[in-house]
């Protein structure tokens, strides 16, 4: 798969990046290499490979030390709002950080 200059420009625009011509060519080549590798993986025959739902194999799963999922109260909203400028519970104003 060939990534075009326009593709890189679009991704850069979405990420709010300004790229030099050299950076644009570097990223174009890198993105092209990544997608080419992914394309090679798509050529593999995975017919007899079962889908995975867990990262660990079932014999490793029993040995994994996973903590119990316990609900714990987290009541910090009142504290945060008390120290925030322009607070109108349950919201507070923040300065605009992205200029476009």
Protein backbone atom coordinates (compact mmCIF):
# COMPACT_ATOMS: atom_id res chain seq x y z
CA UNK A 1 0.00 0.00 0.00
CA UNK A 2 1.36 3.37 -0.91
CA UNK A 3 0.69 6.29 1.39
CA UNK A 4 0.38 9.57 -0.44
CA UNK A 5 1.59 12.98 0.61
CA UNK A 6 -2.08 13.99 0.96
CA UNK A 7 -2.69 11.10 3.37
CA UNK A 8 0.16 12.31 5.59
CA UNK A 9 -1.11 15.89 5.40
CA UNK A 10 -4.58 14.75 6.49
CA UNK A 11 -3.24 12.76 9.46
CA UNK A 12 -1.02 15.69 10.45
CA UNK A 13 -4.02 18.01 10.26
CA UNK A 14 -6.11 15.71 12.46
CA UNK A 15 -3.25 15.57 15.00
CA UNK A 16 -2.70 19.35 14.83
CA UNK A 17 0.89 18.84 13.59
CA UNK A 18 2.88 21.12 11.36
CA UNK A 19 5.39 19.06 9.38
CA UNK A 20 8.37 20.12 7.33
CA UNK A 21 8.82 18.52 3.91
CA UNK A 22 11.53 16.24 5.35
CA UNK A 23 9.29 15.15 8.22
CA UNK A 24 6.43 14.57 5.82
CA UNK A 25 8.53 12.23 3.69
CA UNK A 26 9.88 10.43 6.78
CA UNK A 27 6.38 9.84 8.16
CA UNK A 28 5.05 8.86 4.74
CA UNK A 29 7.73 6.18 4.45
CA UNK A 30 7.17 4.98 8.03
CA UNK A 31 3.38 4.77 7.65
CA UNK A 32 3.81 2.98 4.33
CA UNK A 33 6.14 0.42 5.95
CA UNK A 34 3.72 -0.19 8.83
CA UNK A 35 0.76 -0.74 6.52
CA UNK A 36 2.82 -2.94 4.22
CA UNK A 37 3.75 -5.13 7.21
CA UNK A 38 0.09 -5.31 8.28
CA UNK A 39 -0.74 -6.35 4.74
CA UNK A 40 1.74 -9.23 4.98
CA UNK A 41 0.08 -10.37 8.21
CA UNK A 42 -3.26 -10.44 6.39
CA UNK A 43 -1.78 -12.98 3.95
CA UNK A 44 -1.35 -15.57 6.73
CA UNK A 45 -3.77 -18.49 6.84
CA UNK A 46 -5.56 -18.21 10.17
CA UNK A 47 -8.33 -20.68 9.36
CA UNK A 48 -7.44 -23.06 12.20
CA UNK A 49 -6.43 -20.39 14.70
CA UNK A 50 -9.13 -19.82 17.31
CA UNK A 51 -9.89 -16.21 18.23
CA UNK A 52 -8.39 -15.06 21.52
CA UNK A 53 -10.49 -13.47 24.23
CA UNK A 54 -7.64 -13.32 26.77
CA UNK A 55 -3.99 -12.41 26.40
CA UNK A 56 -2.88 -15.26 28.65
CA UNK A 57 -3.31 -18.90 27.66
CA UNK A 58 -5.82 -20.82 29.83
CA UNK A 59 -3.06 -22.65 31.78
CA UNK A 60 -1.33 -19.32 32.47
CA UNK A 61 -4.63 -17.66 33.39
CA UNK A 62 -4.96 -19.78 36.54
CA UNK A 63 -1.50 -18.70 37.67
CA UNK A 64 -2.03 -15.02 36.94
CA UNK A 65 -2.41 -12.85 40.00
CA UNK A 66 -5.29 -10.57 39.20
CA UNK A 67 -6.77 -8.39 41.89
CA UNK A 68 -10.42 -8.67 42.72
CA UNK A 69 -12.55 -6.00 41.09
CA UNK A 70 -13.96 -4.10 44.05
CA UNK A 71 -16.03 -0.93 43.82
CA UNK A 72 -14.53 1.83 45.96
CA UNK A 73 -16.07 5.24 46.55
CA UNK A 74 -14.26 8.15 44.96
CA UNK A 75 -15.91 11.37 46.07
CA UNK A 76 -13.44 14.04 44.98
CA UNK A 77 -15.80 16.12 42.84
CA UNK A 78 -16.77 18.44 45.71
CA UNK A 79 -13.10 19.03 46.58
CA UNK A 80 -12.13 19.67 42.96
CA UNK A 81 -15.02 22.08 42.39
CA UNK A 82 -14.19 23.96 45.60
CA UNK A 83 -10.74 24.81 44.22
CA UNK A 84 -11.74 25.40 40.58
CA UNK A 85 -12.34 28.83 39.06
CA UNK A 86 -15.77 29.41 37.54
CA UNK A 87 -17.31 26.34 39.15
CA UNK A 88 -20.98 25.62 38.62
CA UNK A 89 -21.46 22.11 39.96
CA UNK A 90 -21.07 19.59 38.48
CA UNK A 91 -18.91 21.53 35.98
CA UNK A 92 -16.10 24.08 35.99
CA UNK A 93 -14.59 26.26 33.29
CA UNK A 94 -11.10 25.68 31.94
CA UNK A 95 -9.13 27.90 29.56
CA UNK A 96 -9.17 27.03 25.88
CA UNK A 97 -5.92 25.26 25.04
CA UNK A 98 -6.38 24.44 21.36
CA UNK A 99 -6.38 27.33 18.92
CA UNK A 100 -7.49 26.57 15.35
